[in-house]
Amino acid sequence: LMRGMARAYAGDKITFNAVAPGAIDTEMMTD
């Protein structure tokens, strides 16, 4: 999704990027 939207809005200088976390010490991770 982000890659497709990055192409669609590139002409407007709107960037789309993503962060891919690994093991982060949160309840969602450890529950």
mmCIF file of all heavy atoms, coordinates in Angstrom:
data_MODEL
# 
_entry.id   MODEL 
# 
loop_
_atom_site.group_PDB 
_atom_site.id 
_atom_site.type_symbol 
_atom_site.label_atom_id 
_atom_site.label_alt_id 
_atom_site.label_comp_id 
_atom_site.label_asym_id 
_atom_site.label_entity_id 
_atom_site.label_seq_id 
_atom_site.pdbx_PDB_ins_code 
_atom_site.Cartn_x 
_atom_site.Cartn_y 
_atom_site.Cartn_z 
_atom_site.occupancy 
_atom_site.B_iso_or_equiv 
_atom_site.pdbx_formal_charge 
_atom_site.auth_seq_id 
_atom_site.auth_comp_id 
_atom_site.auth_asym_id 
_atom_site.auth_atom_id 
_atom_site.pdbx_PDB_model_num 
ATOM 1   N N   . LEU A 1 1  ? 0.827  -1.204  0.000  1.00 0.00 ? 1  LEU A N   1 
ATOM 2   C CA  . LEU A 1 1  ? 0.000  0.000   0.000  1.00 0.00 ? 1  LEU A CA  1 
ATOM 3   C C   . LEU A 1 1  ? 0.863  1.255   0.000  1.00 0.00 ? 1  LEU A C   1 
ATOM 4   O O   . LEU A 1 1  ? 0.644  2.184   -0.804 1.00 0.00 ? 1  LEU A O   1 
ATOM 5   C CB  . LEU A 1 1  ? -0.899 -0.019  1.242  1.00 0.00 ? 1  LEU A CB  1 
ATOM 6   C CG  . LEU A 1 1  ? -1.795 1.186   1.481  1.00 0.00 ? 1  LEU A CG  1 
ATOM 7   C CD1 . LEU A 1 1  ? -2.825 1.286   0.377  1.00 0.00 ? 1  LEU A CD1 1 
ATOM 8   C CD2 . LEU A 1 1  ? -2.471 1.076   2.838  1.00 0.00 ? 1  LEU A CD2 1 
ATOM 9   N N   . MET A 1 2  ? 1.843  1.311   0.881  1.00 0.00 ? 2  MET A N   1 
ATOM 10  C CA  . MET A 1 2  ? 2.677  2.491   0.965  1.00 0.00 ? 2  MET A CA  1 
ATOM 11  C C   . MET A 1 2  ? 3.482  2.712   -0.315 1.00 0.00 ? 2  MET A C   1 
ATOM 12  O O   . MET A 1 2  ? 3.675  3.844   -0.754 1.00 0.00 ? 2  MET A O   1 
ATOM 13  C CB  . MET A 1 2  ? 3.630  2.385   2.168  1.00 0.00 ? 2  MET A CB  1 
ATOM 14  C CG  . MET A 1 2  ? 2.940  2.496   3.515  1.00 0.00 ? 2  MET A CG  1 
ATOM 15  S SD  . MET A 1 2  ? 2.081  4.102   3.763  1.00 0.00 ? 2  MET A SD  1 
ATOM 16  C CE  . MET A 1 2  ? 0.373  3.596   3.555  1.00 0.00 ? 2  MET A CE  1 
ATOM 17  N N   . ARG A 1 3  ? 3.949  1.648   -0.922 1.00 0.00 ? 3  ARG A N   1 
ATOM 18  C CA  . ARG A 1 3  ? 4.717  1.809   -2.159 1.00 0.00 ? 3  ARG A CA  1 
ATOM 19  C C   . ARG A 1 3  ? 3.837  2.331   -3.287 1.00 0.00 ? 3  ARG A C   1 
ATOM 20  O O   . ARG A 1 3  ? 4.244  3.192   -4.071 1.00 0.00 ? 3  ARG A O   1 
ATOM 21  C CB  . ARG A 1 3  ? 5.372  0.478   -2.538 1.00 0.00 ? 3  ARG A CB  1 
ATOM 22  C CG  . ARG A 1 3  ? 6.536  0.137   -1.613 1.00 0.00 ? 3  ARG A CG  1 
ATOM 23  C CD  . ARG A 1 3  ? 7.122  -1.224  -1.886 1.00 0.00 ? 3  ARG A CD  1 
ATOM 24  N NE  . ARG A 1 3  ? 8.318  -1.422  -1.052 1.00 0.00 ? 3  ARG A NE  1 
ATOM 25  C CZ  . ARG A 1 3  ? 8.947  -2.581  -0.905 1.00 0.00 ? 3  ARG A CZ  1 
ATOM 26  N NH1 . ARG A 1 3  ? 8.500  -3.664  -1.535 1.00 0.00 ? 3  ARG A NH1 1 
ATOM 27  N NH2 . ARG A 1 3  ? 10.014 -2.675  -0.149 1.00 0.00 ? 3  ARG A NH2 1 
ATOM 28  N N   . GLY A 1 4  ? 2.615  1.822   -3.359 1.00 0.00 ? 4  GLY A N   1 
ATOM 29  C CA  . GLY A 1 4  ? 1.699  2.310   -4.380 1.00 0.00 ? 4  GLY A CA  1 
ATOM 30  C C   . GLY A 1 4  ? 1.327  3.770   -4.166 1.00 0.00 ? 4  GLY A C   1 
ATOM 31  O O   . GLY A 1 4  ? 1.269  4.561   -5.121 1.00 0.00 ? 4  GLY A O   1 
ATOM 32  N N   . MET A 1 5  ? 1.085  4.143   -2.924 1.00 0.00 ? 5  MET A N   1 
ATOM 33  C CA  . MET A 1 5  ? 0.726  5.524   -2.626 1.00 0.00 ? 5  MET A CA  1 
ATOM 34  C C   . MET A 1 5  ? 1.929  6.453   -2.793 1.00 0.00 ? 5  MET A C   1 
ATOM 35  O O   . MET A 1 5  ? 1.781  7.628   -3.157 1.00 0.00 ? 5  MET A O   1 
ATOM 36  C CB  . MET A 1 5  ? 0.144  5.633   -1.221 1.00 0.00 ? 5  MET A CB  1 
ATOM 37  C CG  . MET A 1 5  ? -1.151 4.845   -1.058 1.00 0.00 ? 5  MET A CG  1 
ATOM 38  S SD  . MET A 1 5  ? -1.993 5.089   0.525  1.00 0.00 ? 5  MET A SD  1 
ATOM 39  C CE  . MET A 1 5  ? -2.925 6.581   0.177  1.00 0.00 ? 5  MET A CE  1 
ATOM 40  N N   . ALA A 1 6  ? 3.126  5.926   -2.563 1.00 0.00 ? 6  ALA A N   1 
ATOM 41  C CA  . ALA A 1 6  ? 4.335  6.727   -2.788 1.00 0.00 ? 6  ALA A CA  1 
ATOM 42  C C   . ALA A 1 6  ? 4.425  7.147   -4.249 1.00 0.00 ? 6  ALA A C   1 
ATOM 43  O O   . ALA A 1 6  ? 4.791  8.298   -4.555 1.00 0.00 ? 6  ALA A O   1 
ATOM 44  C CB  . ALA A 1 6  ? 5.570  5.923   -2.387 1.00 0.00 ? 6  ALA A CB  1 
ATOM 45  N N   . ARG A 1 7  ? 4.086  6.246   -5.150 1.00 0.00 ? 7  ARG A N   1 
ATOM 46  C CA  . ARG A 1 7  ? 4.090  6.586   -6.577 1.00 0.00 ? 7  ARG A CA  1 
ATOM 47  C C   . ARG A 1 7  ? 2.977  7.574   -6.908 1.00 0.00 ? 7  ARG A C   1 
ATOM 48  O O   . ARG A 1 7  ? 3.163  8.517   -7.681 1.00 0.00 ? 7  ARG A O   1 
ATOM 49  C CB  . ARG A 1 7  ? 3.929  5.318   -7.410 1.00 0.00 ? 7  ARG A CB  1 
ATOM 50  C CG  . ARG A 1 7  ? 5.098  4.344   -7.301 1.00 0.00 ? 7  ARG A CG  1 
ATOM 51  C CD  . ARG A 1 7  ? 4.876  3.119   -8.193 1.00 0.00 ? 7  ARG A CD  1 
ATOM 52  N NE  . ARG A 1 7  ? 5.891  2.098   -7.967 1.00 0.00 ? 7  ARG A NE  1 
ATOM 53  C CZ  . ARG A 1 7  ? 7.109  2.117   -8.506 1.00 0.00 ? 7  ARG A CZ  1 
ATOM 54  N NH1 . ARG A 1 7  ? 7.445  3.114   -9.313 1.00 0.00 ? 7  ARG A NH1 1 
ATOM 55  N NH2 . ARG A 1 7  ? 7.966  1.156   -8.250 1.00 0.00 ? 7  ARG A NH2 1 
ATOM 56  N N   . ALA A 1 8  ? 1.806  7.353   -6.331 1.00 0.00 ? 8  ALA A N   1 
ATOM 57  C CA  . ALA A 1 8  ? 0.645  8.172   -6.674 1.00 0.00 ? 8  ALA A CA  1 
ATOM 58  C C   . ALA A 1 8  ? 0.819  9.630   -6.249 1.00 0.00 ? 8  ALA A C   1 
ATOM 59  O O   . ALA A 1 8  ? 0.338  10.535  -6.952 1.00 0.00 ? 8  ALA A O   1 
ATOM 60  C CB  . ALA A 1 8  ? -0.612 7.582   -6.026 1.00 0.00 ? 8  ALA A CB  1 
ATOM 61  N N   . TYR A 1 9  ? 1.499  9.866   -5.132 1.00 0.00 ? 9  TYR A N   1 
ATOM 62  C CA  . TYR A 1 9  ? 1.594  11.227  -4.598 1.00 0.00 ? 9  TYR A CA  1 
ATOM 63  C C   . TYR A 1 9  ? 2.997  11.820  -4.706 1.00 0.00 ? 9  TYR A C   1 
ATOM 64  O O   . TYR A 1 9  ? 3.252  12.896  -4.161 1.00 0.00 ? 9  TYR A O   1 
ATOM 65  C CB  . TYR A 1 9  ? 1.139  11.242  -3.140 1.00 0.00 ? 9  TYR A CB  1 
ATOM 66  C CG  . TYR A 1 9  ? -0.352 11.087  -2.975 1.00 0.00 ? 9  TYR A CG  1 
ATOM 67  C CD1 . TYR A 1 9  ? -0.928 9.845   -2.708 1.00 0.00 ? 9  TYR A CD1 1 
ATOM 68  C CD2 . TYR A 1 9  ? -1.205 12.184  -3.107 1.00 0.00 ? 9  TYR A CD2 1 
ATOM 69  C CE1 . TYR A 1 9  ? -2.303 9.696   -2.566 1.00 0.00 ? 9  TYR A CE1 1 
ATOM 70  C CE2 . TYR A 1 9  ? -2.577 12.049  -2.958 1.00 0.00 ? 9  TYR A CE2 1 
ATOM 71  C CZ  . TYR A 1 9  ? -3.120 10.800  -2.691 1.00 0.00 ? 9  TYR A CZ  1 
ATOM 72  O OH  . TYR A 1 9  ? -4.489 10.662  -2.552 1.00 0.00 ? 9  TYR A OH  1 
ATOM 73  N N   . ALA A 1 10 ? 3.874  11.163  -5.438 1.00 0.00 ? 10 ALA A N   1 
ATOM 74  C CA  . ALA A 1 10 ? 5.245  11.669  -5.550 1.00 0.00 ? 10 ALA A CA  1 
ATOM 75  C C   . ALA A 1 10 ? 5.288  13.056  -6.175 1.00 0.00 ? 10 ALA A C   1 
ATOM 76  O O   . ALA A 1 10 ? 6.090  13.912  -5.777 1.00 0.00 ? 10 ALA A O   1 
ATOM 77  C CB  . ALA A 1 10 ? 6.099  10.693  -6.363 1.00 0.00 ? 10 ALA A CB  1 
ATOM 78  N N   . GLY A 1 11 ? 4.425  13.305  -7.159 1.00 0.00 ? 11 GLY A N   1 
ATOM 79  C CA  . GLY A 1 11 ? 4.412  14.605  -7.811 1.00 0.00 ? 11 GLY A CA  1 
ATOM 80  C C   . GLY A 1 11 ? 4.010  15.733  -6.898 1.00 0.00 ? 11 GLY A C   1 
ATOM 81  O O   . GLY A 1 11 ? 4.286  16.916  -7.184 1.00 0.00 ? 11 GLY A O   1 
ATOM 82  N N   . ASP A 1 12 ? 3.375  15.410  -5.783 1.00 0.00 ? 12 ASP A N   1 
ATOM 83  C CA  . ASP A 1 12 ? 2.964  16.412  -4.799 1.00 0.00 ? 12 ASP A CA  1 
ATOM 84  C C   . ASP A 1 12 ? 3.963  16.537  -3.657 1.00 0.00 ? 12 ASP A C   1 
ATOM 85  O O   . ASP A 1 12 ? 3.696  17.222  -2.673 1.00 0.00 ? 12 ASP A O   1 
ATOM 86  C CB  . ASP A 1 12 ? 1.589  16.046  -4.226 1.00 0.00 ? 12 ASP A CB  1 
ATOM 87  C CG  . ASP A 1 12 ? 0.528  15.980  -5.309 1.00 0.00 ? 12 ASP A CG  1 
ATOM 88  O OD1 . ASP A 1 12 ? 0.207  17.043  -5.876 1.00 0.00 ? 12 ASP A OD1 1 
ATOM 89  O OD2 . ASP A 1 12 ? 0.032  14.869  -5.585 1.00 0.00 ? 12 ASP A OD2 1 
ATOM 90  N N   . LYS A 1 13 ? 5.109  15.854  -3.797 1.00 0.00 ? 13 LYS A N   1 
ATOM 91  C CA  . LYS A 1 13 ? 6.166  15.875  -2.778 1.00 0.00 ? 13 LYS A CA  1 
ATOM 92  C C   . LYS A 1 13 ? 5.660  15.349  -1.428 1.00 0.00 ? 13 LYS A C   1 
ATOM 93  O O   . LYS A 1 13 ? 6.080  15.810  -0.365 1.00 0.00 ? 13 LYS A O   1 
ATOM 94  C CB  . LYS A 1 13 ? 6.747  17.274  -2.611 1.00 0.00 ? 13 LYS A CB  1 
ATOM 95  C CG  . LYS A 1 13 ? 7.380  17.823  -3.894 1.00 0.00 ? 13 LYS A CG  1 
ATOM 96  C CD  . LYS A 1 13 ? 8.540  16.954  -4.345 1.00 0.00 ? 13 LYS A CD  1 
ATOM 97  C CE  . LYS A 1 13 ? 9.248  17.544  -5.554 1.00 0.00 ? 13 LYS A CE  1 
ATOM 98  N NZ  . LYS A 1 13 ? 8.458  17.487  -6.793 1.00 0.00 ? 13 LYS A NZ  1 
ATOM 99  N N   . ILE A 1 14 ? 4.750  14.370  -1.503 1.00 0.00 ? 14 ILE A N   1 
ATOM 100 C CA  . ILE A 1 14 ? 4.269  13.690  -0.300 1.00 0.00 ? 14 ILE A CA  1 
ATOM 101 C C   . ILE A 1 14 ? 4.904  12.312  -0.282 1.00 0.00 ? 14 ILE A C   1 
ATOM 102 O O   . ILE A 1 14 ? 4.711  11.528  -1.222 1.00 0.00 ? 14 ILE A O   1 
ATOM 103 C CB  . ILE A 1 14 ? 2.742  13.578  -0.290 1.00 0.00 ? 14 ILE A CB  1 
ATOM 104 C CG1 . ILE A 1 14 ? 2.105  14.976  -0.401 1.00 0.00 ? 14 ILE A CG1 1 
ATOM 105 C CG2 . ILE A 1 14 ? 2.258  12.868  0.981  1.00 0.00 ? 14 ILE A CG2 1 
ATOM 106 C CD1 . ILE A 1 14 ? 0.625  14.944  -0.695 1.00 0.00 ? 14 ILE A CD1 1 
ATOM 107 N N   . THR A 1 15 ? 5.681  12.016  0.727  1.00 0.00 ? 15 THR A N   1 
ATOM 108 C CA  . THR A 1 15 ? 6.383  10.746  0.790  1.00 0.00 ? 15 THR A CA  1 
ATOM 109 C C   . THR A 1 15 ? 5.641  9.759   1.680  1.00 0.00 ? 15 THR A C   1 
ATOM 110 O O   . THR A 1 15 ? 4.985  10.131  2.650  1.00 0.00 ? 15 THR A O   1 
ATOM 111 C CB  . THR A 1 15 ? 7.820  10.917  1.309  1.00 0.00 ? 15 THR A CB  1 
ATOM 112 O OG1 . THR A 1 15 ? 7.800  11.381  2.656  1.00 0.00 ? 15 THR A OG1 1 
ATOM 113 C CG2 . THR A 1 15 ? 8.596  11.886  0.433  1.00 0.00 ? 15 THR A CG2 1 
ATOM 114 N N   . PHE A 1 16 ? 5.770  8.490   1.328  1.00 0.00 ? 16 PHE A N   1 
ATOM 115 C CA  . PHE A 1 16 ? 5.159  7.394   2.074  1.00 0.00 ? 16 PHE A CA  1 
ATOM 116 C C   . PHE A 1 16 ? 6.246  6.383   2.393  1.00 0.00 ? 16 PHE A C   1 
ATOM 117 O O   . PHE A 1 16 ? 6.871  5.818   1.484  1.00 0.00 ? 16 PHE A O   1 
ATOM 118 C CB  . PHE A 1 16 ? 4.068  6.711   1.245  1.00 0.00 ? 16 PHE A CB  1 
ATOM 119 C CG  . PHE A 1 16 ? 2.826  7.530   1.063  1.00 0.00 ? 16 PHE A CG  1 
ATOM 120 C CD1 . PHE A 1 16 ? 2.798  8.568   0.147  1.00 0.00 ? 16 PHE A CD1 1 
ATOM 121 C CD2 . PHE A 1 16 ? 1.688  7.268   1.811  1.00 0.00 ? 16 PHE A CD2 1 
ATOM 122 C CE1 . PHE A 1 16 ? 1.656  9.337   -0.026 1.00 0.00 ? 16 PHE A CE1 1 
ATOM 123 C CE2 . PHE A 1 16 ? 0.543  8.022   1.643  1.00 0.00 ? 16 PHE A CE2 1 
ATOM 124 C CZ  . PHE A 1 16 ? 0.521  9.067   0.727  1.00 0.00 ? 16 PHE A CZ  1 
ATOM 125 N N   . ASN A 1 17 ? 6.475  6.170   3.673  1.00 0.00 ? 17 ASN A N   1 
ATOM 126 C CA  . ASN A 1 17 ? 7.481  5.210   4.107  1.00 0.00 ? 17 ASN A CA  1 
ATOM 127 C C   . ASN A 1 17 ? 6.933  4.386   5.270  1.00 0.00 ? 17 ASN A C   1 
ATOM 128 O O   . ASN A 1 17 ? 5.894  4.720   5.843  1.00 0.00 ? 17 ASN A O   1 
ATOM 129 C CB  . ASN A 1 17 ? 8.766  5.926   4.530  1.00 0.00 ? 17 ASN A CB  1 
ATOM 130 C CG  . ASN A 1 17 ? 9.458  6.599   3.353  1.00 0.00 ? 17 ASN A CG  1 
ATOM 131 O OD1 . ASN A 1 17 ? 9.977  5.925   2.470  1.00 0.00 ? 17 ASN A OD1 1 
ATOM 132 N ND2 . ASN A 1 17 ? 9.465  7.928   3.342  1.00 0.00 ? 17 ASN A ND2 1 
ATOM 133 N N   . ALA A 1 18 ? 7.633  3.313   5.597  1.00 0.00 ? 18 ALA A N   1 
ATOM 134 C CA  . ALA A 1 18 ? 7.178  2.419   6.665  1.00 0.00 ? 18 ALA A CA  1 
ATOM 135 C C   . ALA A 1 18 ? 8.341  2.050   7.575  1.00 0.00 ? 18 ALA A C   1 
ATOM 136 O O   . ALA A 1 18 ? 9.505  2.039   7.164  1.00 0.00 ? 18 ALA A O   1 
ATOM 137 C CB  . ALA A 1 18 ? 6.557  1.158   6.081  1.00 0.00 ? 18 ALA A CB  1 
ATOM 138 N N   . VAL A 1 19 ? 8.007  1.746   8.809  1.00 0.00 ? 19 VAL A N   1 
ATOM 139 C CA  . VAL A 1 19 ? 8.965  1.247   9.791  1.00 0.00 ? 19 VAL A CA  1 
ATOM 140 C C   . VAL A 1 19 ? 8.553  -0.175  10.159 1.00 0.00 ? 19 VAL A C   1 
ATOM 141 O O   . VAL A 1 19 ? 7.379  -0.441  10.438 1.00 0.00 ? 19 VAL A O   1 
ATOM 142 C CB  . VAL A 1 19 ? 8.972  2.130   11.055 1.00 0.00 ? 19 VAL A CB  1 
ATOM 143 C CG1 . VAL A 1 19 ? 9.868  1.520   12.131 1.00 0.00 ? 19 VAL A CG1 1 
ATOM 144 C CG2 . VAL A 1 19 ? 9.449  3.534   10.714 1.00 0.00 ? 19 VAL A CG2 1 
ATOM 145 N N   . ALA A 1 20 ? 9.517  -1.085  10.123 1.00 0.00 ? 20 ALA A N   1 
ATOM 146 C CA  . ALA A 1 20 ? 9.265  -2.495  10.445 1.00 0.00 ? 20 ALA A CA  1 
ATOM 147 C C   . ALA A 1 20 ? 9.983  -2.854  11.743 1.00 0.00 ? 20 ALA A C   1 
ATOM 148 O O   . ALA A 1 20 ? 11.178 -3.172  11.730 1.00 0.00 ? 20 ALA A O   1 
ATOM 149 C CB  . ALA A 1 20 ? 9.749  -3.402  9.310  1.00 0.00 ? 20 ALA A CB  1 
ATOM 150 N N   . PRO A 1 21 ? 9.279  -2.805  12.876 1.00 0.00 ? 21 PRO A N   1 
ATOM 151 C CA  . PRO A 1 21 ? 9.923  -3.177  14.143 1.00 0.00 ? 21 PRO A CA  1 
ATOM 152 C C   . PRO A 1 21 ? 10.129 -4.685  14.240 1.00 0.00 ? 21 PRO A C   1 
ATOM 153 O O   . PRO A 1 21 ? 9.388  -5.478  13.660 1.00 0.00 ? 21 PRO A O   1 
ATOM 154 C CB  . PRO A 1 21 ? 8.917  -2.703  15.200 1.00 0.00 ? 21 PRO A CB  1 
ATOM 155 C CG  . PRO A 1 21 ? 7.930  -1.847  14.469 1.00 0.00 ? 21 PRO A CG  1 
ATOM 156 C CD  . PRO A 1 21 ? 7.914  -2.339  13.069 1.00 0.00 ? 21 PRO A CD  1 
ATOM 157 N N   . GLY A 1 22 ? 11.124 -5.036  15.027 1.00 0.00 ? 22 GLY A N   1 
ATOM 158 C CA  . GLY A 1 22 ? 11.298 -6.432  15.399 1.00 0.00 ? 22 GLY A CA  1 
ATOM 159 C C   . GLY A 1 22 ? 10.669 -6.657  16.760 1.00 0.00 ? 22 GLY A C   1 
ATOM 160 O O   . GLY A 1 22 ? 9.496  -6.352  16.968 1.00 0.00 ? 22 GLY A O   1 
ATOM 161 N N   . ALA A 1 23 ? 11.448 -7.166  17.712 1.00 0.00 ? 23 ALA A N   1 
ATOM 162 C CA  . ALA A 1 23 ? 10.932 -7.455  19.047 1.00 0.00 ? 23 ALA A CA  1 
ATOM 163 C C   . ALA A 1 23 ? 10.992 -6.195  19.905 1.00 0.00 ? 23 ALA A C   1 
ATOM 164 O O   . ALA A 1 23 ? 12.063 -5.773  20.343 1.00 0.00 ? 23 ALA A O   1 
ATOM 165 C CB  . ALA A 1 23 ? 11.735 -8.576  19.697 1.00 0.00 ? 23 ALA A CB  1 
ATOM 166 N N   . ILE A 1 24 ? 9.835  -5.592  20.128 1.00 0.00 ? 24 ILE A N   1 
ATOM 167 C CA  . ILE A 1 24 ? 9.736  -4.402  20.968 1.00 0.00 ? 24 ILE A CA  1 
ATOM 168 C C   . ILE A 1 24 ? 9.018  -4.801  22.248 1.00 0.00 ? 24 ILE A C   1 
ATOM 169 O O   . ILE A 1 24 ? 8.030  -5.525  22.227 1.00 0.00 ? 24 ILE A O   1 
ATOM 170 C CB  . ILE A 1 24 ? 8.965  -3.289  20.241 1.00 0.00 ? 24 ILE A CB  1 
ATOM 171 C CG1 . ILE A 1 24 ? 9.534  -3.063  18.837 1.00 0.00 ? 24 ILE A CG1 1 
ATOM 172 C CG2 . ILE A 1 24 ? 9.009  -2.008  21.058 1.00 0.00 ? 24 ILE A CG2 1 
ATOM 173 C CD1 . ILE A 1 24 ? 10.984 -2.655  18.786 1.00 0.00 ? 24 ILE A CD1 1 
ATOM 174 N N   . ASP A 1 25 ? 9.512  -4.328  23.360 1.00 0.00 ? 25 ASP A N   1 
ATOM 175 C CA  . ASP A 1 25 ? 9.001  -4.744  24.666 1.00 0.00 ? 25 ASP A CA  1 
ATOM 176 C C   . ASP A 1 25 ? 7.681  -4.042  24.967 1.00 0.00 ? 25 ASP A C   1 
ATOM 177 O O   . ASP A 1 25 ? 7.623  -3.038  25.683 1.00 0.00 ? 25 ASP A O   1 
ATOM 178 C CB  . ASP A 1 25 ? 10.035 -4.430  25.748 1.00 0.00 ? 25 ASP A CB  1 
ATOM 179 C CG  . ASP A 1 25 ? 9.686  -5.092  27.073 1.00 0.00 ? 25 ASP A CG  1 
ATOM 180 O OD1 . ASP A 1 25 ? 8.704  -5.869  27.121 1.00 0.00 ? 25 ASP A OD1 1 
ATOM 181 O OD2 . ASP A 1 25 ? 10.392 -4.828  28.068 1.00 0.00 ? 25 ASP A OD2 1 
ATOM 182 N N   . THR A 1 26 ? 6.620  -4.576  24.393 1.00 0.00 ? 26 THR A N   1 
ATOM 183 C CA  . THR A 1 26 ? 5.276  -4.058  24.610 1.00 0.00 ? 26 THR A CA  1 
ATOM 184 C C   . THR A 1 26 ? 4.349  -5.205  24.991 1.00 0.00 ? 26 THR A C   1 
ATOM 185 O O   . THR A 1 26 ? 4.657  -6.383  24.781 1.00 0.00 ? 26 THR A O   1 
ATOM 186 C CB  . THR A 1 26 ? 4.721  -3.394  23.346 1.00 0.00 ? 26 THR A CB  1 
ATOM 187 O OG1 . THR A 1 26 ? 4.547  -4.388  22.326 1.00 0.00 ? 26 THR A OG1 1 
ATOM 188 C CG2 . THR A 1 26 ? 5.659  -2.309  22.829 1.00 0.00 ? 26 THR A CG2 1 
ATOM 189 N N   . GLU A 1 27 ? 3.189  -4.844  25.512 1.00 0.00 ? 27 GLU A N   1 
ATOM 190 C CA  . GLU A 1 27 ? 2.195  -5.861  25.859 1.00 0.00 ? 27 GLU A CA  1 
ATOM 191 C C   . GLU A 1 27 ? 1.739  -6.618  24.627 1.00 0.00 ? 27 GLU A C   1 
ATOM 192 O O   . GLU A 1 27 ? 1.502  -7.827  24.683 1.00 0.00 ? 27 GLU A O   1 
ATOM 193 C CB  . GLU A 1 27 ? 1.009  -5.191  26.545 1.00 0.00 ? 27 GLU A CB  1 
ATOM 194 C CG  . GLU A 1 27 ? -0.041 -6.181  27.058 1.00 0.00 ? 27 GLU A CG  1 
ATOM 195 C CD  . GLU A 1 27 ? -1.169 -5.490  27.793 1.00 0.00 ? 27 GLU A CD  1 
ATOM 196 O OE1 . GLU A 1 27 ? -1.043 -4.290  28.107 1.00 0.00 ? 27 GLU A OE1 1 
ATOM 197 O OE2 . GLU A 1 27 ? -2.185 -6.152  28.068 1.00 0.00 ? 27 GLU A OE2 1 
ATOM 198 N N   . MET A 1 28 ? 1.614  -5.931  23.492 1.00 0.00 ? 28 MET A N   1 
ATOM 199 C CA  . MET A 1 28 ? 1.206  -6.603  22.267 1.00 0.00 ? 28 MET A CA  1 
ATOM 200 C C   . MET A 1 28 ? 2.199  -7.697  21.881 1.00 0.00 ? 28 MET A C   1 
ATOM 201 O O   . MET A 1 28 ? 1.828  -8.766  21.399 1.00 0.00 ? 28 MET A O   1 
ATOM 202 C CB  . MET A 1 28 ? 1.071  -5.606  21.116 1.00 0.00 ? 28 MET A CB  1 
ATOM 203 C CG  . MET A 1 28 ? 0.665  -6.257  19.792 1.00 0.00 ? 28 MET A CG  1 
ATOM 204 S SD  . MET A 1 28 ? 0.557  -5.100  18.400 1.00 0.00 ? 28 MET A SD  1 
ATOM 205 C CE  . MET A 1 28 ? -0.977 -4.263  18.793 1.00 0.00 ? 28 MET A CE  1 
ATOM 206 N N   . MET A 1 29 ? 3.489  -7.434  22.101 1.00 0.00 ? 29 MET A N   1 
ATOM 207 C CA  . MET A 1 29 ? 4.529  -8.396  21.752 1.00 0.00 ? 29 MET A CA  1 
ATOM 208 C C   . MET A 1 29 ? 4.543  -9.593  22.693 1.00 0.00 ? 29 MET A C   1 
ATOM 209 O O   . MET A 1 29 ? 4.667  -10.736 22.277 1.00 0.00 ? 29 MET A O   1 
ATOM 210 C CB  . MET A 1 29 ? 5.904  -7.706  21.779 1.00 0.00 ? 29 MET A CB  1 
ATOM 211 C CG  . MET A 1 29 ? 7.079  -8.619  21.523 1.00 0.00 ? 29 MET A CG  1 
ATOM 212 S SD  . MET A 1 29 ? 7.140  -9.194  19.815 1.00 0.00 ? 29 MET A SD  1 
ATOM 213 C CE  . MET A 1 29 ? 8.291  -10.569 19.958 1.00 0.00 ? 29 MET A CE  1 
ATOM 214 N N   . THR A 1 30 ? 4.394  -9.346  23.977 1.00 0.00 ? 30 THR A N   1 
ATOM 215 C CA  . THR A 1 30 ? 4.624  -10.402 24.957 1.00 0.00 ? 30 THR A CA  1 
ATOM 216 C C   . THR A 1 30 ? 3.358  -11.113 25.432 1.00 0.00 ? 30 THR A C   1 
ATOM 217 O O   . THR A 1 30 ? 3.437  -12.181 26.039 1.00 0.00 ? 30 THR A O   1 
ATOM 218 C CB  . THR A 1 30 ? 5.346  -9.827  26.189 1.00 0.00 ? 30 THR A CB  1 
ATOM 219 O OG1 . THR A 1 30 ? 4.536  -8.796  26.767 1.00 0.00 ? 30 THR A OG1 1 
ATOM 220 C CG2 . THR A 1 30 ? 6.686  -9.227  25.789 1.00 0.00 ? 30 THR A CG2 1 
ATOM 221 N N   . ASP A 1 31 ? 2.189  -10.523 25.170 1.00 0.00 ? 31 ASP A N   1 
ATOM 222 C CA  . ASP A 1 31 ? 0.946  -11.105 25.664 1.00 0.00 ? 31 ASP A CA  1 
ATOM 223 C C   . ASP A 1 31 ? 0.747  -12.520 25.132 1.00 0.00 ? 31 ASP A C   1 
ATOM 224 O O   . ASP A 1 31 ? 0.808  -12.760 23.927 1.00 0.00 ? 31 ASP A O   1 
ATOM 225 C CB  . ASP A 1 31 ? -0.242 -10.223 25.245 1.00 0.00 ? 31 ASP A CB  1 
ATOM 226 C CG  . ASP A 1 31 ? -1.547 -10.732 25.832 1.00 0.00 ? 31 ASP A CG  1 
ATOM 227 O OD1 . ASP A 1 31 ? -1.544 -11.126 27.012 1.00 0.00 ? 31 ASP A OD1 1 
ATOM 228 O OD2 . ASP A 1 31 ? -2.560 -10.732 25.111 1.00 0.00 ? 31 ASP A OD2 1 
# 
